[in-house]
N, C-alpha and C. Protein backbone atom coordinates (compact mmCIF):
# COMPACT_ATOMS: atom_id res chain seq x y z
N PRO A 1 0.84 -1.08 -0.03
CA PRO A 1 -0.13 -0.02 -0.04
C PRO A 1 0.78 1.19 -0.06
N PRO A 2 0.47 2.21 -0.75
CA PRO A 2 1.19 3.51 -0.80
C PRO A 2 1.03 4.21 0.47
N ALA A 3 2.05 4.81 0.96
CA ALA A 3 2.20 5.67 2.19
C ALA A 3 1.56 6.96 1.94
N LYS A 4 0.61 7.27 2.91
CA LYS A 4 -0.08 8.53 2.92
C LYS A 4 0.80 9.66 3.39
N THR A 5 0.82 10.59 2.77
CA THR A 5 1.51 11.83 3.22
C THR A 5 0.52 12.97 3.36
N ALA A 6 0.82 13.80 4.25
CA ALA A 6 -0.15 14.98 4.61
C ALA A 6 0.08 15.98 3.48
N PRO A 7 -1.07 16.40 3.00
CA PRO A 7 -1.04 17.44 1.92
C PRO A 7 -0.30 18.70 2.50
N PRO A 8 0.35 19.44 1.51
CA PRO A 8 1.01 20.62 1.97
C PRO A 8 0.07 21.79 2.45
N PRO A 9 0.52 22.45 3.32
CA PRO A 9 -0.46 23.64 3.88
C PRO A 9 -0.77 24.53 2.73
N PRO A 10 -1.88 25.15 2.81
CA PRO A 10 -2.25 26.12 1.73
C PRO A 10 -1.42 27.23 1.84
N ALA A 11 -1.09 27.87 0.78
CA ALA A 11 -0.34 29.16 0.75
C ALA A 11 -1.11 30.18 1.11
N LYS A 12 -0.26 31.04 1.85
CA LYS A 12 -0.96 32.21 2.54
C LYS A 12 -0.91 33.36 1.47
N ALA A 13 -2.03 33.98 1.52
CA ALA A 13 -2.23 35.23 0.57
C ALA A 13 -1.28 36.34 1.20
N THR A 14 -0.60 36.86 0.41
CA THR A 14 0.26 38.00 1.10
C THR A 14 -0.36 39.26 0.34
N THR A 15 -0.36 40.27 1.37
CA THR A 15 -0.97 41.51 0.95
C THR A 15 0.21 42.54 0.93
N PRO A 16 0.19 43.35 0.13
CA PRO A 16 1.22 44.37 0.36
C PRO A 16 0.97 45.29 1.56
N ALA A 17 2.05 45.57 2.04
CA ALA A 17 1.97 46.36 3.43
C ALA A 17 1.37 47.71 3.06
N GLN A 18 0.47 48.07 3.74
CA GLN A 18 -0.30 49.29 3.56
C GLN A 18 0.34 50.39 4.52
N PRO A 19 0.62 51.52 4.04
CA PRO A 19 1.24 52.47 4.81
C PRO A 19 0.32 53.04 5.80
N ARG A 20 0.74 53.19 7.20
CA ARG A 20 0.00 53.72 8.19
C ARG A 20 -0.26 55.20 8.05
N THR A 21 -1.59 55.32 8.18
CA THR A 21 -1.98 56.90 8.08
C THR A 21 -2.16 57.36 9.63
N PRO A 22 -1.79 58.50 9.88
CA PRO A 22 -2.07 59.12 11.17
C PRO A 22 -3.62 59.26 11.36
N ALA A 23 -3.87 59.12 12.62
CA ALA A 23 -5.32 59.50 12.92
C ALA A 23 -5.64 60.81 12.63
N PRO A 24 -6.77 61.08 12.06
CA PRO A 24 -7.31 62.49 11.83
C PRO A 24 -7.13 63.34 13.10
N ALA A 25 -6.69 64.43 13.03
CA ALA A 25 -6.51 65.41 14.15
C ALA A 25 -8.00 65.96 14.49
N LYS A 26 -8.19 66.20 15.68
CA LYS A 26 -9.51 66.76 16.16
C LYS A 26 -9.59 68.21 15.76
N PRO A 27 -10.73 68.58 15.17
CA PRO A 27 -10.84 69.94 14.79
C PRO A 27 -10.99 70.95 15.99
N PRO A 28 -10.35 72.04 16.00
CA PRO A 28 -10.44 72.91 17.16
C PRO A 28 -11.88 73.29 17.51
N HIS A 29 -12.33 73.41 18.67
CA HIS A 29 -13.55 73.74 19.13
C HIS A 29 -13.79 75.18 19.16
N PRO A 30 -15.02 75.68 18.84
CA PRO A 30 -15.26 77.10 18.96
C PRO A 30 -15.08 77.51 20.55
N PRO A 31 -14.52 78.51 20.77
CA PRO A 31 -14.05 78.88 22.09
C PRO A 31 -15.18 79.23 22.98
N ASN A 32 -16.16 79.97 22.54
CA ASN A 32 -17.16 80.58 23.40
C ASN A 32 -18.22 79.52 23.78
N LEU A 33 -18.72 78.70 22.99
CA LEU A 33 -19.84 77.75 23.15
C LEU A 33 -19.30 76.66 24.18
N ASN A 34 -18.29 75.99 23.69
CA ASN A 34 -17.79 74.82 24.48
C ASN A 34 -17.21 75.28 25.84
N ASP A 35 -16.43 76.36 25.89
CA ASP A 35 -15.89 76.79 27.07
C ASP A 35 -17.00 77.11 28.20
N GLU A 36 -18.07 77.59 27.80
CA GLU A 36 -19.25 77.77 28.88
C GLU A 36 -19.73 76.55 29.29
N ALA A 37 -19.95 75.50 28.26
CA ALA A 37 -20.58 74.31 28.60
C ALA A 37 -19.63 73.58 29.49
N VAL A 38 -18.30 73.47 29.19
CA VAL A 38 -17.36 72.87 29.92
C VAL A 38 -17.25 73.34 31.42
N ALA A 39 -17.27 74.59 31.38
CA ALA A 39 -17.32 75.30 32.73
C ALA A 39 -18.54 74.94 33.61
N GLU A 40 -19.71 74.71 32.91
CA GLU A 40 -20.88 74.45 33.72
C GLU A 40 -20.85 73.02 34.06
N LEU A 41 -20.20 72.22 33.23
CA LEU A 41 -20.22 70.71 33.52
C LEU A 41 -19.06 70.50 34.60
N GLU A 42 -18.12 71.39 34.58
CA GLU A 42 -17.09 71.21 35.76
C GLU A 42 -17.62 71.67 37.06
N LYS A 43 -18.57 72.63 37.03
CA LYS A 43 -19.20 73.14 38.15
C LYS A 43 -20.06 72.04 38.68
N GLN A 44 -20.98 71.43 37.79
CA GLN A 44 -21.80 70.36 38.26
C GLN A 44 -21.03 69.19 38.75
N LEU A 45 -19.80 68.87 38.12
CA LEU A 45 -18.97 67.72 38.61
C LEU A 45 -18.38 68.12 39.98
N LEU A 46 -17.99 69.28 40.27
CA LEU A 46 -17.62 69.66 41.62
C LEU A 46 -18.68 69.51 42.58
N LEU A 47 -19.93 69.91 42.24
CA LEU A 47 -21.10 69.76 43.11
C LEU A 47 -21.31 68.32 43.57
N GLU A 48 -21.36 67.44 42.38
CA GLU A 48 -21.58 66.03 42.68
C GLU A 48 -20.43 65.46 43.40
N ARG A 49 -19.17 65.86 43.24
CA ARG A 49 -18.08 65.33 44.14
C ARG A 49 -18.29 65.60 45.45
N ALA A 50 -18.69 66.89 45.74
CA ALA A 50 -18.87 67.39 47.04
C ALA A 50 -20.05 66.48 47.80
N ASN A 51 -21.21 66.40 47.11
CA ASN A 51 -22.27 65.74 47.41
C ASN A 51 -21.91 64.24 47.71
N ASN A 52 -21.09 63.66 46.82
CA ASN A 52 -20.66 62.21 46.92
C ASN A 52 -19.79 62.04 48.15
N GLN A 53 -18.97 63.12 48.38
CA GLN A 53 -18.09 63.08 49.58
C GLN A 53 -18.92 62.99 50.94
N LYS A 54 -19.90 64.04 51.00
CA LYS A 54 -20.84 64.15 52.06
C LYS A 54 -21.64 62.70 52.32
N MET A 55 -22.04 62.13 51.34
CA MET A 55 -22.72 60.80 51.40
C MET A 55 -21.77 59.76 51.94
N MET A 56 -20.61 59.82 51.29
CA MET A 56 -19.52 58.81 51.77
C MET A 56 -19.32 58.99 53.32
N LEU A 57 -19.15 60.20 53.86
CA LEU A 57 -18.88 60.54 55.08
C LEU A 57 -20.08 60.06 56.00
N GLN A 58 -21.27 60.22 55.44
CA GLN A 58 -22.38 59.78 56.25
C GLN A 58 -22.53 58.33 56.33
N MET A 59 -22.23 57.53 55.27
CA MET A 59 -22.08 56.24 55.07
C MET A 59 -21.14 55.65 56.18
N LEU A 60 -19.92 56.36 56.14
CA LEU A 60 -18.84 55.85 57.04
C LEU A 60 -19.34 56.05 58.60
N GLU A 61 -19.99 57.00 58.87
CA GLU A 61 -20.43 57.26 60.28
C GLU A 61 -21.54 56.28 60.67
N MET A 62 -22.43 56.08 59.57
CA MET A 62 -23.49 55.10 59.88
C MET A 62 -22.82 53.60 60.14
N GLN A 63 -21.74 53.34 59.34
CA GLN A 63 -21.19 52.00 59.47
C GLN A 63 -20.32 51.91 60.72
N ASN A 64 -19.94 53.05 61.22
CA ASN A 64 -19.32 53.01 62.51
C ASN A 64 -20.45 52.77 63.73
N ASP A 65 -21.56 53.44 63.45
CA ASP A 65 -22.78 53.23 64.37
C ASP A 65 -23.13 51.85 64.25
N VAL A 66 -23.17 51.19 63.21
CA VAL A 66 -23.49 49.69 63.11
C VAL A 66 -22.58 48.91 63.81
N ASN A 67 -21.20 49.07 63.41
CA ASN A 67 -20.24 48.51 64.19
C ASN A 67 -20.31 48.45 65.78
N ARG A 68 -20.56 49.80 66.33
CA ARG A 68 -20.66 49.93 67.74
C ARG A 68 -21.78 49.09 68.16
N SER A 69 -22.96 49.30 67.59
CA SER A 69 -24.19 48.50 67.91
C SER A 69 -23.94 47.03 67.77
N SER A 70 -23.30 46.53 66.85
CA SER A 70 -22.96 45.08 66.75
C SER A 70 -22.12 44.66 67.90
N ALA A 71 -21.24 45.51 68.27
CA ALA A 71 -20.25 45.17 69.60
C ALA A 71 -21.09 45.22 70.75
N LYS A 72 -21.97 46.00 70.85
CA LYS A 72 -22.92 46.17 72.11
C LYS A 72 -23.78 44.94 72.08
N ILE A 73 -24.28 44.48 71.12
CA ILE A 73 -25.21 43.30 71.09
C ILE A 73 -24.50 42.06 71.43
N VAL A 74 -23.25 41.98 71.03
CA VAL A 74 -22.36 40.82 71.31
C VAL A 74 -22.11 40.84 72.90
N GLU A 75 -21.71 42.02 73.43
CA GLU A 75 -21.53 42.16 74.71
C GLU A 75 -22.77 41.85 75.63
N LEU A 76 -23.92 42.21 75.13
CA LEU A 76 -25.18 41.97 75.99
C LEU A 76 -25.62 40.48 75.75
N LYS A 77 -25.24 39.75 74.62
CA LYS A 77 -25.43 38.40 74.49
C LYS A 77 -24.54 37.58 75.53
N HIS A 78 -23.22 38.09 75.74
CA HIS A 78 -22.47 37.48 76.65
C HIS A 78 -22.89 37.50 77.99
N GLU A 79 -23.36 38.91 78.49
CA GLU A 79 -23.99 39.14 79.70
C GLU A 79 -25.17 38.37 79.99
N SER A 80 -26.05 38.15 78.76
CA SER A 80 -27.27 37.44 79.08
C SER A 80 -26.79 35.89 79.26
N ALA A 81 -25.91 35.39 78.61
CA ALA A 81 -25.58 34.02 78.79
C ALA A 81 -25.05 33.75 80.10
N GLY A 82 -24.18 34.80 80.78
CA GLY A 82 -23.72 34.62 82.01
C GLY A 82 -24.90 34.69 83.01
N LEU A 83 -25.80 35.54 82.87
CA LEU A 83 -26.97 35.71 83.77
C LEU A 83 -27.82 34.37 83.69
N LYS A 84 -27.91 33.91 82.44
CA LYS A 84 -28.72 32.38 82.46
C LYS A 84 -28.03 31.42 83.11
N SER A 85 -26.64 31.31 83.06
CA SER A 85 -25.89 30.34 83.78
C SER A 85 -25.96 30.44 85.28
N GLN A 86 -26.02 31.82 85.78
CA GLN A 86 -26.37 32.07 87.20
C GLN A 86 -27.75 31.54 87.53
N LEU A 87 -28.60 31.85 86.91
CA LEU A 87 -29.95 31.47 87.09
C LEU A 87 -30.14 29.99 87.21
N VAL A 88 -29.48 29.33 86.26
CA VAL A 88 -29.64 27.85 86.26
C VAL A 88 -28.86 27.30 87.54
N ALA A 89 -27.77 27.97 88.00
CA ALA A 89 -27.01 27.49 89.13
C ALA A 89 -27.91 27.81 90.49
N ARG A 90 -28.57 28.93 90.40
CA ARG A 90 -29.67 29.21 91.61
C ARG A 90 -30.70 28.21 91.62
N ASP A 91 -31.20 28.09 90.56
CA ASP A 91 -32.39 26.94 90.57
C ASP A 91 -31.92 25.59 90.95
N ARG A 92 -30.71 25.20 90.51
CA ARG A 92 -30.30 23.80 91.10
C ARG A 92 -30.02 23.89 92.52
N MET A 93 -29.41 25.09 93.08
CA MET A 93 -29.33 25.25 94.42
C MET A 93 -30.60 25.15 95.16
N HIS A 94 -31.53 25.85 94.69
CA HIS A 94 -32.91 25.77 95.22
C HIS A 94 -33.62 24.43 95.41
N ALA A 95 -33.38 23.55 94.32
CA ALA A 95 -33.86 22.43 94.20
C ALA A 95 -33.05 21.44 95.26
N ASP A 96 -31.86 21.56 95.29
CA ASP A 96 -30.92 20.90 96.21
C ASP A 96 -31.30 21.32 97.77
N ASP A 97 -31.66 22.48 98.09
CA ASP A 97 -32.07 22.99 99.22
C ASP A 97 -33.45 22.34 99.62
N ALA A 98 -34.40 22.30 98.66
CA ALA A 98 -35.69 21.78 98.86
C ALA A 98 -35.69 20.28 99.21
N ARG A 99 -34.64 19.60 98.53
CA ARG A 99 -34.43 18.10 98.79
C ARG A 99 -33.85 17.79 100.09
N MET A 100 -32.91 18.80 100.51
CA MET A 100 -32.36 18.63 101.78
C MET A 100 -33.38 18.81 102.99
N ARG A 101 -34.25 19.95 102.79
CA ARG A 101 -35.32 20.15 103.62
C ARG A 101 -36.27 19.09 103.82
N LEU A 102 -36.56 18.47 102.68
CA LEU A 102 -37.53 17.21 102.85
C LEU A 102 -36.79 16.03 103.57
N GLN A 103 -35.55 15.93 103.44
CA GLN A 103 -34.94 14.67 104.01
C GLN A 103 -34.76 15.00 105.44
N LEU A 104 -34.46 16.33 105.90
CA LEU A 104 -34.38 16.84 107.15
C LEU A 104 -35.79 16.63 108.02
N GLY A 105 -36.86 17.13 107.20
CA GLY A 105 -38.09 17.02 107.75
C GLY A 105 -38.53 15.50 108.03
N LYS A 106 -38.14 14.65 107.11
CA LYS A 106 -38.45 13.17 107.33
C LYS A 106 -37.80 12.59 108.51
N ARG A 107 -36.31 13.14 108.68
CA ARG A 107 -35.61 12.63 109.70
C ARG A 107 -36.03 13.19 111.12
N LEU A 108 -36.47 14.42 111.05
CA LEU A 108 -37.00 15.06 112.35
C LEU A 108 -38.27 14.35 112.73
N GLN A 109 -39.00 13.88 111.75
CA GLN A 109 -40.36 13.27 112.06
C GLN A 109 -40.15 11.95 112.62
N GLN A 110 -39.11 11.20 112.00
CA GLN A 110 -38.62 9.91 112.73
C GLN A 110 -38.10 9.98 113.93
N LEU A 111 -37.36 11.07 114.23
CA LEU A 111 -36.78 11.28 115.46
C LEU A 111 -37.77 11.48 116.68
N VAL A 112 -38.86 12.32 116.22
CA VAL A 112 -40.04 12.50 117.16
C VAL A 112 -40.91 11.23 117.23
N PHE A 113 -41.10 10.49 116.42
CA PHE A 113 -41.65 9.24 116.60
C PHE A 113 -40.89 8.35 117.49
N ASP A 114 -39.70 8.33 117.21
CA ASP A 114 -38.72 7.39 118.14
C ASP A 114 -38.64 7.92 119.68
N ASN A 115 -38.68 9.24 119.71
CA ASN A 115 -38.73 9.78 121.07
C ASN A 115 -40.06 9.50 121.69
N ALA A 116 -41.18 9.58 121.06
CA ALA A 116 -42.45 9.21 121.69
C ALA A 116 -42.48 7.76 121.97
N ALA A 117 -42.04 6.89 121.18
CA ALA A 117 -42.04 5.59 121.56
C ALA A 117 -41.05 5.33 122.54
N LEU A 118 -39.84 5.91 122.88
CA LEU A 118 -39.10 5.73 124.02
C LEU A 118 -39.66 6.16 125.21
N ARG A 119 -40.45 7.32 125.14
CA ARG A 119 -41.20 7.82 126.28
C ARG A 119 -42.27 6.75 126.76
N ARG A 120 -43.01 6.25 125.75
CA ARG A 120 -44.10 5.32 126.16
C ARG A 120 -43.25 4.04 126.77
N GLU A 121 -42.27 3.72 126.19
CA GLU A 121 -41.75 2.45 126.70
C GLU A 121 -41.10 2.78 128.22
N THR A 122 -40.62 3.90 128.37
CA THR A 122 -40.01 4.24 129.66
C THR A 122 -41.20 4.37 130.68
N VAL A 123 -42.14 5.04 130.32
CA VAL A 123 -43.38 5.15 131.22
C VAL A 123 -44.00 3.79 131.44
N SER A 124 -44.04 2.86 130.58
CA SER A 124 -44.55 1.55 130.75
C SER A 124 -43.67 0.78 131.72
N ARG A 125 -42.47 1.10 131.82
CA ARG A 125 -41.52 0.33 132.78
C ARG A 125 -41.62 0.86 134.06
N LEU A 126 -42.04 2.00 134.37
CA LEU A 126 -42.12 2.58 135.64
C LEU A 126 -43.18 2.04 136.45
N PRO A 127 -43.11 1.90 137.71
CA PRO A 127 -44.18 1.52 138.63
C PRO A 127 -45.26 2.55 138.54
N PHE A 128 -46.57 2.12 138.57
CA PHE A 128 -47.69 3.07 138.60
C PHE A 128 -47.63 3.77 139.82
N ARG A 129 -47.85 5.21 139.75
CA ARG A 129 -47.93 6.05 140.88
C ARG A 129 -49.14 7.00 140.70
N ARG A 130 -49.73 7.27 142.04
CA ARG A 130 -50.91 8.06 141.78
C ARG A 130 -50.33 9.53 142.07
N PRO A 131 -50.93 10.48 141.29
CA PRO A 131 -50.56 11.82 141.29
C PRO A 131 -50.83 12.28 142.94
N THR A 132 -49.84 13.11 143.36
CA THR A 132 -49.90 13.55 144.68
C THR A 132 -50.71 14.97 144.71
N HIS A 133 -50.88 15.59 143.55
CA HIS A 133 -51.50 16.89 143.55
C HIS A 133 -52.80 16.77 142.72
N ARG A 134 -53.51 17.67 142.95
CA ARG A 134 -54.89 17.64 142.09
C ARG A 134 -54.73 18.64 140.96
N LEU A 135 -54.99 18.18 139.69
CA LEU A 135 -55.04 19.17 138.65
C LEU A 135 -56.22 20.02 138.58
N THR A 136 -56.09 21.27 138.25
CA THR A 136 -57.20 22.22 138.12
C THR A 136 -57.37 22.58 136.62
N ASP A 137 -58.61 22.74 136.38
CA ASP A 137 -58.85 23.07 134.89
C ASP A 137 -58.43 24.59 134.85
N CYS A 138 -57.71 25.00 134.14
CA CYS A 138 -57.16 26.48 134.15
C CYS A 138 -58.15 27.35 133.54
N ARG A 139 -59.05 26.81 132.60
CA ARG A 139 -60.03 27.61 132.07
C ARG A 139 -61.09 28.02 132.98
N ALA A 140 -61.57 27.11 133.84
CA ALA A 140 -62.67 27.34 134.82
C ALA A 140 -62.22 27.57 136.20
N GLY A 141 -61.06 27.25 136.44
CA GLY A 141 -60.62 27.52 137.88
C GLY A 141 -61.10 26.38 138.81
N ARG A 142 -61.41 25.17 138.16
CA ARG A 142 -61.89 24.02 139.09
C ARG A 142 -61.25 22.78 138.61
N PRO A 143 -61.21 21.78 139.45
CA PRO A 143 -60.70 20.48 139.21
C PRO A 143 -61.28 19.78 137.87
N PRO A 144 -60.57 19.07 137.05
CA PRO A 144 -61.06 18.57 135.87
C PRO A 144 -61.84 17.43 136.22
N GLY A 145 -62.76 17.12 135.20
CA GLY A 145 -63.66 15.98 135.50
C GLY A 145 -65.10 16.53 135.28
N PRO A 146 -66.01 15.59 135.63
CA PRO A 146 -67.51 16.02 135.34
C PRO A 146 -67.77 17.00 136.34
N ALA A 147 -68.57 18.04 135.96
CA ALA A 147 -69.02 19.08 136.71
C ALA A 147 -70.20 18.86 137.59
């Protein structure tokens, strides 16, 4: 089989070098009409720049206010978190105190019952004695019992 060869690249069309022509010069403008218009435009431009600077200054001041407010918000959030943790700790302390009061109340009640039982037991072991004095009813000034 015959070997395939790549076809030769197409020949580039050459164009004769064109001489560079300088750009046409701007025609001079009429001095009176354009000078007044340019002066008016420059005056408006200065006014707009002044207004722009005022607005930029106002925006900068407002941005500073926003930054200060944001910092204050962060500070208040930290303070709020601290107060919440104190509140949780106080609530936990109150719950612990309530539990302790309940336990102490139960213990005191048990001690009162034990004391009463010991008194009954002690009285039951003592020999019976008659009272040597007569009790009087304090309200009526007379001895207790049927009237």
